[in-house]
C-alpha atoms as a PDB file:
ATOM      1  CA  UNK A   1     118.279  99.359-175.461  1.00  0.00           C
ATOM      2  CA  UNK A   2     115.634 102.056-175.155  1.00  0.00           C
ATOM      3  CA  UNK A   3     113.681 102.884-172.033  1.00  0.00           C
ATOM      4  CA  UNK A   4     110.530 100.809-171.732  1.00  0.00           C
ATOM      5  CA  UNK A   5     107.418 102.950-171.453  1.00  0.00           C
ATOM      6  CA  UNK A   6     104.067 101.930-170.077  1.00  0.00           C
ATOM      7  CA  UNK A   7     101.354 101.233-172.657  1.00  0.00           C
ATOM      8  CA  UNK A   8      98.604 103.805-173.042  1.00  0.00           C
ATOM      9  CA  UNK A   9      94.931 102.949-172.751  1.00  0.00           C
ATOM     10  CA  UNK A  10      92.893 103.851-175.803  1.00  0.00           C
ATOM     11  CA  UNK A  11      89.253 102.764-175.560  1.00  0.00           C
ATOM     12  CA  UNK A  12      90.152  99.778-173.401  1.00  0.00           C
ATOM     13  CA  UNK A  13      93.177  98.591-175.382  1.00  0.00           C
ATOM     14  CA  UNK A  14      96.700  98.824-173.955  1.00  0.00           C
ATOM     15  CA  UNK A  15      98.760 100.135-176.862  1.00  0.00           C
ATOM     16  CA  UNK A  16     102.548 100.329-176.828  1.00  0.00           C
ATOM     17  CA  UNK A  17     103.826 103.883-176.507  1.00  0.00           C
ATOM     18  CA  UNK A  18     107.596 103.390-176.631  1.00  0.00           C
ATOM     19  CA  UNK A  19     108.076 103.547-180.397  1.00  0.00           C
ATOM     20  CA  UNK A  20     109.619 101.167-182.886  1.00  0.00           C
ATOM     21  CA  UNK A  21     112.972 100.639-181.207  1.00  0.00           C
ATOM     22  CA  UNK A  22     111.367  99.964-177.843  1.00  0.00           C
ATOM     23  CA  UNK A  23     108.866  97.513-179.345  1.00  0.00           C
ATOM     24  CA  UNK A  24     111.651  95.615-181.089  1.00  0.00           C
ATOM     25  CA  UNK A  25     113.609  95.588-177.822  1.00  0.00           C
ATOM     26  CA  UNK A  26     110.581  94.029-176.121  1.00  0.00           C
ATOM     27  CA  UNK A  27     110.341  91.350-178.797  1.00  0.00           C
ATOM     28  CA  UNK A  28     114.053  90.566-178.554  1.00  0.00           C
ATOM     29  CA  UNK A  29     113.770  90.286-174.783  1.00  0.00           C
ATOM     30  CA  UNK A  30     110.845  87.883-175.119  1.00  0.00           C
ATOM     31  CA  UNK A  31     112.811  85.778-177.591  1.00  0.00           C
ATOM     32  CA  UNK A  32     115.832  85.743-175.279  1.00  0.00           C
ATOM     33  CA  UNK A  33     113.692  84.391-172.420  1.00  0.00           C
ATOM     34  CA  UNK A  34     112.753  81.412-174.621  1.00  0.00           C
ATOM     35  CA  UNK A  35     109.277  81.287-173.130  1.00  0.00           C
ATOM     36  CA  UNK A  36     106.471  80.210-175.402  1.00  0.00           C
ATOM     37  CA  UNK A  37     103.464  82.113-176.694  1.00  0.00           C
ATOM     38  CA  UNK A  38     104.517  85.772-176.596  1.00  0.00           C
ATOM     39  CA  UNK A  39     102.891  87.636-179.487  1.00  0.00           C
ATOM     40  CA  UNK A  40     102.474  91.040-181.106  1.00  0.00           C
ATOM     41  CA  UNK A  41      99.499  92.465-182.932  1.00  0.00           C
ATOM     42  CA  UNK A  42      98.691  95.714-184.691  1.00  0.00           C
ATOM     43  CA  UNK A  43      96.099  98.241-183.573  1.00  0.00           C
ATOM     44  CA  UNK A  44      94.367 100.572-186.008  1.00  0.00           C
ATOM     45  CA  UNK A  45      90.921 102.211-185.978  1.00  0.00           C
ATOM     46  CA  UNK A  46      89.329  99.466-188.072  1.00  0.00           C
ATOM     47  CA  UNK A  47      90.639  96.648-185.853  1.00  0.00           C
ATOM     48  CA  UNK A  48      89.439  98.353-182.676  1.00  0.00           C
ATOM     49  CA  UNK A  49      85.985  98.914-184.176  1.00  0.00           C
ATOM     50  CA  UNK A  50      85.791  95.262-185.252  1.00  0.00           C
ATOM     51  CA  UNK A  51      86.932  94.168-181.800  1.00  0.00           C
ATOM     52  CA  UNK A  52      84.024  95.954-180.132  1.00  0.00           C
ATOM     53  CA  UNK A  53      81.596  93.488-181.740  1.00  0.00           C
ATOM     54  CA  UNK A  54      83.866  90.419-181.884  1.00  0.00           C
ATOM     55  CA  UNK A  55      84.585  89.170-178.373  1.00  0.00           C
ATOM     56  CA  UNK A  56      87.355  86.740-179.317  1.00  0.00           C
ATOM     57  CA  UNK A  57      89.125  89.355-181.419  1.00  0.00           C
ATOM     58  CA  UNK A  58      88.853  91.866-178.573  1.00  0.00           C
ATOM     59  CA  UNK A  59      90.424  89.433-176.111  1.00  0.00           C
ATOM     60  CA  UNK A  60      93.151  88.549-178.621  1.00  0.00           C
ATOM     61  CA  UNK A  61      94.132  92.217-178.940  1.00  0.00           C
ATOM     62  CA  UNK A  62      93.882  92.894-175.217  1.00  0.00           C
ATOM     63  CA  UNK A  63      96.041  89.865-174.392  1.00  0.00           C
ATOM     64  CA  UNK A  64      98.760  90.677-176.938  1.00  0.00           C
ATOM     65  CA  UNK A  65     102.138  91.150-175.267  1.00  0.00           C
ATOM     66  CA  UNK A  66     102.923  93.952-177.719  1.00  0.00           C
ATOM     67  CA  UNK A  67     100.070  95.876-179.348  1.00  0.00           C
ATOM     68  CA  UNK A  68     101.670  98.377-181.709  1.00  0.00           C
ATOM     69  CA  UNK A  69      99.990 101.589-182.924  1.00  0.00           C
ATOM     70  CA  UNK A  70      99.823 100.653-186.597  1.00  0.00           C
ATOM     71  CA  UNK A  71      97.607 103.404-187.933  1.00  0.00           C
ATOM     72  CA  UNK A  72      97.656 107.184-188.098  1.00  0.00           C
ATOM     73  CA  UNK A  73      94.215 107.190-186.479  1.00  0.00           C
ATOM     74  CA  UNK A  74      95.688 105.745-183.293  1.00  0.00           C
ATOM     75  CA  UNK A  75      98.233 108.562-183.120  1.00  0.00           C
ATOM     76  CA  UNK A  76      95.454 111.110-183.698  1.00  0.00           C
ATOM     77  CA  UNK A  77      93.367 109.544-180.932  1.00  0.00           C
ATOM     78  CA  UNK A  78      96.310 109.724-178.527  1.00  0.00           C
ATOM     79  CA  UNK A  79      96.775 113.410-179.360  1.00  0.00           C
ATOM     80  CA  UNK A  80      93.092 114.188-178.781  1.00  0.00           C
ATOM     81  CA  UNK A  81      93.133 112.284-175.482  1.00  0.00           C
ATOM     82  CA  UNK A  82      96.463 113.811-174.352  1.00  0.00           C
ATOM     83  CA  UNK A  83      98.210 110.456-174.167  1.00  0.00           C
ATOM     84  CA  UNK A  84     102.011 110.095-174.497  1.00  0.00           C
ATOM     85  CA  UNK A  85     102.036 108.216-177.786  1.00  0.00           C
ATOM     86  CA  UNK A  86     103.904 110.009-180.553  1.00  0.00           C
ATOM     87  CA  UNK A  87     105.267 107.414-182.952  1.00  0.00           C
ATOM     88  CA  UNK A  88     103.366 105.153-185.283  1.00  0.00           C
ATOM     89  CA  UNK A  89     104.785 101.627-185.470  1.00  0.00           C
ATOM     90  CA  UNK A  90     103.785 100.021-188.765  1.00  0.00           C
ATOM     91  CA  UNK A  91     103.928  96.283-189.323  1.00  0.00           C
ATOM     92  CA  UNK A  92     106.507  96.467-192.151  1.00  0.00           C
ATOM     93  CA  UNK A  93     108.940  98.493-190.028  1.00  0.00           C
ATOM     94  CA  UNK A  94     108.512  96.172-187.060  1.00  0.00           C
ATOM     95  CA  UNK A  95     109.189  93.127-189.238  1.00  0.00           C
ATOM     96  CA  UNK A  96     112.236  94.708-190.908  1.00  0.00           C
ATOM     97  CA  UNK A  97     113.838  96.061-187.749  1.00  0.00           C
ATOM     98  CA  UNK A  98     113.349  92.884-185.717  1.00  0.00           C
ATOM     99  CA  UNK A  99     114.764  90.846-188.593  1.00  0.00           C
ATOM    100  CA  UNK A 100     117.745  93.179-188.925  1.00  0.00           C
ATOM    101  CA  UNK A 101     118.463  93.054-185.204  1.00  0.00           C
ATOM    102  CA  UNK A 102     118.173  89.262-185.071  1.00  0.00           C
ATOM    103  CA  UNK A 103     120.480  88.946-188.079  1.00  0.00           C
ATOM    104  CA  UNK A 104     123.105  91.100-186.332  1.00  0.00           C
ATOM    105  CA  UNK A 105     122.816  88.889-183.262  1.00  0.00           C
ATOM    106  CA  UNK A 106     123.677  85.824-185.321  1.00  0.00           C
ATOM    107  CA  UNK A 107     120.386  84.835-186.862  1.00  0.00           C
ATOM    108  CA  UNK A 108     117.075  83.192-186.091  1.00  0.00           C
ATOM    109  CA  UNK A 109     114.664  80.595-187.433  1.00  0.00           C
ATOM    110  CA  UNK A 110     111.507  81.929-189.120  1.00  0.00           C
ATOM    111  CA  UNK A 111     108.269  80.218-190.073  1.00  0.00           C
ATOM    112  CA  UNK A 112     105.686  81.971-192.249  1.00  0.00           C
ATOM    113  CA  UNK A 113     102.000  80.998-192.033  1.00  0.00           C
ATOM    114  CA  UNK A 114      99.516  82.506-194.470  1.00  0.00           C
ATOM    115  CA  UNK A 115      99.013  83.811-198.002  1.00  0.00           C
ATOM    116  CA  UNK A 116      99.839  81.701-201.076  1.00  0.00           C
ATOM    117  CA  UNK A 117     102.757  79.446-201.922  1.00  0.00           C
ATOM    118  CA  UNK A 118     103.845  82.000-204.537  1.00  0.00           C
ATOM    119  CA  UNK A 119     104.039  84.821-201.975  1.00  0.00           C
ATOM    120  CA  UNK A 120     105.742  82.583-199.423  1.00  0.00           C
ATOM    121  CA  UNK A 121     108.398  81.559-201.947  1.00  0.00           C
ATOM    122  CA  UNK A 122     109.083  85.221-202.787  1.00  0.00           C
ATOM    123  CA  UNK A 123     109.424  86.044-199.086  1.00  0.00           C
ATOM    124  CA  UNK A 124     111.906  83.210-198.560  1.00  0.00           C
ATOM    125  CA  UNK A 125     113.944  84.258-201.600  1.00  0.00           C
ATOM    126  CA  UNK A 126     114.162  87.877-200.500  1.00  0.00           C
ATOM    127  CA  UNK A 127     115.054  86.967-196.915  1.00  0.00           C
ATOM    128  CA  UNK A 128     117.790  84.601-198.074  1.00  0.00           C
ATOM    129  CA  UNK A 129     119.229  87.423-200.156  1.00  0.00           C
ATOM    130  CA  UNK A 130     118.908  90.309-197.687  1.00  0.00           C
ATOM    131  CA  UNK A 131     119.389  88.450-194.408  1.00  0.00           C
ATOM    132  CA  UNK A 132     121.251  85.178-194.977  1.00  0.00           C
ATOM    133  CA  UNK A 133     121.617  84.835-191.208  1.00  0.00           C
ATOM    134  CA  UNK A 134     117.858  84.227-190.981  1.00  0.00           C
ATOM    135  CA  UNK A 135     116.804  80.653-191.697  1.00  0.00           C
ATOM    136  CA  UNK A 136     113.347  80.157-193.185  1.00  0.00           C
ATOM    137  CA  UNK A 137     112.716  76.801-191.567  1.00  0.00           C
ATOM    138  CA  UNK A 138     109.184  76.470-192.897  1.00  0.00           C
ATOM    139  CA  UNK A 139     106.275  78.041-194.745  1.00  0.00           C
ATOM    140  CA  UNK A 140     102.646  77.023-194.981  1.00  0.00           C
ATOM    141  CA  UNK A 141      99.746  78.345-197.025  1.00  0.00           C
ATOM    142  CA  UNK A 142      96.669  77.264-195.045  1.00  0.00           C
ATOM    143  CA  UNK A 143      93.195  76.652-196.478  1.00  0.00           C
ATOM    144  CA  UNK A 144      91.441  79.895-197.445  1.00  0.00           C
ATOM    145  CA  UNK A 145      88.412  79.618-195.157  1.00  0.00           C
ATOM    146  CA  UNK A 146      87.111  81.566-192.134  1.00  0.00           C
ATOM    147  CA  UNK A 147      87.679  78.726-189.644  1.00  0.00           C
ATOM    148  CA  UNK A 148      89.903  75.665-189.878  1.00  0.00           C
ATOM    149  CA  UNK A 149      88.536  72.234-189.024  1.00  0.00           C
ATOM    150  CA  UNK A 150      90.065  70.602-185.910  1.00  0.00           C
ATOM    151  CA  UNK A 151      92.035  68.279-188.178  1.00  0.00           C
ATOM    152  CA  UNK A 152      93.338  71.138-190.329  1.00  0.00           C
ATOM    153  CA  UNK A 153      94.282  73.167-187.292  1.00  0.00           C
ATOM    154  CA  UNK A 154      96.097  70.262-185.660  1.00  0.00           C
ATOM    155  CA  UNK A 155      98.065  69.687-188.861  1.00  0.00           C
ATOM    156  CA  UNK A 156      99.062  73.377-189.004  1.00  0.00           C
ATOM    157  CA  UNK A 157     100.247  73.422-185.395  1.00  0.00           C
ATOM    158  CA  UNK A 158     102.103  70.148-185.880  1.00  0.00           C
ATOM    159  CA  UNK A 159     103.892  71.423-189.000  1.00  0.00           C
ATOM    160  CA  UNK A 160     105.022  74.579-187.207  1.00  0.00           C
ATOM    161  CA  UNK A 161     106.275  72.743-184.140  1.00  0.00           C
ATOM    162  CA  UNK A 162     108.102  70.175-186.269  1.00  0.00           C
ATOM    163  CA  UNK A 163     110.047  72.983-187.956  1.00  0.00           C
ATOM    164  CA  UNK A 164     111.195  74.310-184.564  1.00  0.00           C
ATOM    165  CA  UNK A 165     111.094  78.063-185.380  1.00  0.00           C
ATOM    166  CA  UNK A 166     112.103  80.863-183.031  1.00  0.00           C
ATOM    167  CA  UNK A 167     109.664  83.296-184.645  1.00  0.00           C
ATOM    168  CA  UNK A 168     106.334  82.598-186.316  1.00  0.00           C
ATOM    169  CA  UNK A 169     104.966  85.263-188.659  1.00  0.00           C
ATOM    170  CA  UNK A 170     101.230  84.984-189.357  1.00  0.00           C
ATOM    171  CA  UNK A 171      99.670  86.748-192.334  1.00  0.00           C
ATOM    172  CA  UNK A 172      96.035  85.681-192.628  1.00  0.00           C
ATOM    173  CA  UNK A 173      94.457  89.178-192.310  1.00  0.00           C
ATOM    174  CA  UNK A 174      92.653  90.528-189.269  1.00  0.00           C
ATOM    175  CA  UNK A 175      90.786  89.384-187.280  1.00  0.00           C
ATOM    176  CA  UNK A 176      91.438  85.794-188.326  1.00  0.00           C
ATOM    177  CA  UNK A 177      95.184  85.877-187.648  1.00  0.00           C
ATOM    178  CA  UNK A 178      94.936  87.402-184.159  1.00  0.00           C
ATOM    179  CA  UNK A 179      92.183  85.028-183.068  1.00  0.00           C
ATOM    180  CA  UNK A 180      94.130  82.058-184.405  1.00  0.00           C
ATOM    181  CA  UNK A 181      97.262  83.102-182.527  1.00  0.00           C
ATOM    182  CA  UNK A 182      95.339  83.647-179.292  1.00  0.00           C
ATOM    183  CA  UNK A 183      93.619  80.272-179.520  1.00  0.00           C
ATOM    184  CA  UNK A 184      96.736  78.302-180.456  1.00  0.00           C
ATOM    185  CA  UNK A 185      99.613  80.028-178.659  1.00  0.00           C
ATOM    186  CA  UNK A 186      99.506  77.489-175.830  1.00  0.00           C
ATOM    187  CA  UNK A 187     100.110  74.654-178.307  1.00  0.00           C
ATOM    188  CA  UNK A 188     102.870  76.333-180.303  1.00  0.00           C
ATOM    189  CA  UNK A 189     106.505  75.737-179.371  1.00  0.00           C
ATOM    190  CA  UNK A 190     107.534  79.186-180.548  1.00  0.00           C
ATOM    191  CA  UNK A 191     109.078  81.970-178.496  1.00  0.00           C
ATOM    192  CA  UNK A 192     107.569  84.874-180.460  1.00  0.00           C
ATOM    193  CA  UNK A 193     104.625  85.239-182.827  1.00  0.00           C
ATOM    194  CA  UNK A 194     103.816  88.257-184.983  1.00  0.00           C
ATOM    195  CA  UNK A 195     100.470  89.026-186.632  1.00  0.00           C
ATOM    196  CA  UNK A 196     101.508  91.178-189.591  1.00  0.00           C
ATOM    197  CA  UNK A 197      98.853  90.702-192.290  1.00  0.00           C
ATOM    198  CA  UNK A 198      99.642  92.724-195.404  1.00  0.00           C
ATOM    199  CA  UNK A 199     103.375  92.689-194.651  1.00  0.00           C
ATOM    200  CA  UNK A 200     103.568  89.330-196.431  1.00  0.00           C
ATOM    201  CA  UNK A 201     102.504  90.907-199.730  1.00  0.00           C
ATOM    202  CA  UNK A 202     104.564  94.057-199.195  1.00  0.00           C
ATOM    203  CA  UNK A 203     107.755  92.138-198.477  1.00  0.00           C
ATOM    204  CA  UNK A 204     107.130  89.683-201.309  1.00  0.00           C
ATOM    205  CA  UNK A 205     106.540  92.587-203.675  1.00  0.00           C
ATOM    206  CA  UNK A 206     103.155  91.307-204.820  1.00  0.00           C
ATOM    207  CA  UNK A 207     101.504  94.489-203.504  1.00  0.00           C
ATOM    208  CA  UNK A 208     103.059  97.925-203.364  1.00  0.00           C
ATOM    209  CA  UNK A 209     103.005  99.871-200.133  1.00  0.00           C
ATOM    210  CA  UNK A 210     102.049 103.548-200.287  1.00  0.00           C
ATOM    211  CA  UNK A 211     105.031 105.874-200.686  1.00  0.00           C
ATOM    212  CA  UNK A 212     106.770 107.607-197.801  1.00  0.00           C
ATOM    213  CA  UNK A 213     105.097 110.837-198.944  1.00  0.00           C
ATOM    214  CA  UNK A 214     101.672 109.463-198.004  1.00  0.00           C
ATOM    215  CA  UNK A 215     103.052 107.789-194.884  1.00  0.00           C
ATOM    216  CA  UNK A 216     104.437 111.085-193.559  1.00  0.00           C
ATOM    217  CA  UNK A 217     101.075 112.765-194.155  1.00  0.00           C
ATOM    218  CA  UNK A 218      99.311 110.050-192.174  1.00  0.00           C
ATOM    219  CA  UNK A 219      97.433 109.098-195.348  1.00  0.00           C
ATOM    220  CA  UNK A 220      99.064 105.772-196.213  1.00  0.00           C
ATOM    221  CA  UNK A 221      95.578 104.296-196.449  1.00  0.00           C
ATOM    222  CA  UNK A 222      94.452 106.623-199.258  1.00  0.00           C
ATOM    223  CA  UNK A 223      96.323 105.153-202.278  1.00  0.00           C
ATOM    224  CA  UNK A 224      95.432 101.636-201.112  1.00  0.00           C
ATOM    225  CA  UNK A 225      91.777 102.607-200.817  1.00  0.00           C
ATOM    226  CA  UNK A 226      91.766 104.166-204.289  1.00  0.00           C
ATOM    227  CA  UNK A 227      93.322 100.989-205.709  1.00  0.00           C
ATOM    228  CA  UNK A 228      91.006  98.572-203.866  1.00  0.00           C
ATOM    229  CA  UNK A 229      87.825 100.476-202.922  1.00  0.00           C
ATOM    230  CA  UNK A 230      85.573  97.418-202.892  1.00  0.00           C
ATOM    231  CA  UNK A 231      87.795  95.644-200.350  1.00  0.00           C
ATOM    232  CA  UNK A 232      88.697  98.622-198.177  1.00  0.00           C
ATOM    233  CA  UNK A 233      85.554 100.769-198.157  1.00  0.00           C
ATOM    234  CA  UNK A 234      84.332  99.473-194.779  1.00  0.00           C
ATOM    235  CA  UNK A 235      87.717 100.088-193.165  1.00  0.00           C
ATOM    236  CA  UNK A 236      88.006 103.673-194.370  1.00  0.00           C
ATOM    237  CA  UNK A 237      84.450 104.946-194.827  1.00  0.00           C
ATOM    238  CA  UNK A 238      82.660 103.124-192.008  1.00  0.00           C
ATOM    239  CA  UNK A 239      85.101 102.135-189.245  1.00  0.00           C
ATOM    240  CA  UNK A 240      87.160 105.341-189.292  1.00  0.00           C
ATOM    241  CA  UNK A 241      84.194 107.694-188.588  1.00  0.00           C
ATOM    242  CA  UNK A 242      82.911 105.339-185.871  1.00  0.00           C
ATOM    243  CA  UNK A 243      86.348 105.321-184.221  1.00  0.00           C
ATOM    244  CA  UNK A 244      86.620 109.117-184.333  1.00  0.00           C
ATOM    245  CA  UNK A 245      83.168 109.381-182.747  1.00  0.00           C
ATOM    246  CA  UNK A 246      84.219 107.106-179.907  1.00  0.00           C
ATOM    247  CA  UNK A 247      87.388 109.108-179.319  1.00  0.00           C
ATOM    248  CA  UNK A 248      85.473 112.400-179.216  1.00  0.00           C
ATOM    249  CA  UNK A 249      82.972 110.922-176.742  1.00  0.00           C
ATOM    250  CA  UNK A 250      85.884 109.828-174.557  1.00  0.00           C
ATOM    251  CA  UNK A 251      87.374 113.318-174.796  1.00  0.00           C
ATOM    252  CA  UNK A 252      84.085 114.854-173.656  1.00  0.00           C
ATOM    253  CA  UNK A 253      83.933 112.356-170.791  1.00  0.00           C
ATOM    254  CA  UNK A 254      87.441 113.422-169.739  1.00  0.00           C
ATOM    255  CA  UNK A 255      86.493 117.083-169.844  1.00  0.00           C
ATOM    256  CA  UNK A 256      83.302 116.780-167.814  1.00  0.00           C
ATOM    257  CA  UNK A 257      84.683 114.125-165.460  1.00  0.00           C
END
C-alpha cells in the first residue's frame, strides 16, 4: 500500500498525484468497501479543453473519484505550475495493474461496455488466457450514436446489473463515456467503474499502442496522429495549444499574484 497523496488542482480539475500504484490502491479500496458508483476517468489536455465548453463533461471529470493524469501535457502543466505531480498514469497501465492485483487477490467480475462485438470477444479471450481468475460476466456493444434513447439506456443499465459485475469498464470514447457514467452511476449496482476509451482496442489488439520509445519521450500521441490525422487533428493541433496557453496564463497569474 502506497501513501495516499492529495490531488493537485490543474485549471479547476483535481488530478491524482500519487502515481499508478497509489491510484490502483485507491480503486482496490473502493472495491473493498462495496459501495456503488465510484469511478475513474482520464485527464489529458484535449479532455480538459473539451470540458471547458461542455458543462456535463466538466462535472463528470470534476466528480470522478480518481482522475488520473493520462497525458504528457498534464505532467508538463504540473511542472510549469510547480505542482507535485511527477508520474503519468495511462489508461492501459491502470487497467493492467488493477486487473493483475485483483487476480492475485482471488479474482473479480468484469463487465465491458462499448466498442464492437468483435473487440469485446477479443478482450474476453485475452483476459481468460492471461488472468483466468477474472470472470468476464458480460459484454455489451451499445448503439453507435451520440445519445441513447431512454429505452436503450434502461436496457443497458438493466443488462449490466443483471450480470452483477464488481467492475464495469466503459470504452465509448470521451466525452460520451464519462458523461454516461456520471449520469447513470446512481442506477448501476457496480462497486467500481472505469472510463478507459482506447484501452479496449489496445488490449484487444485491434489498434497498436505507440512504442515505449515514444511513451518515454512524452510523444505517445505522435505516431497515432500520423496514422489517423483526420480523427486526431483537433486533439493535437487545436486543443493542445489552447491548453498550453491556459497553463501559461495561470503561471503568469501565480507570478504576479
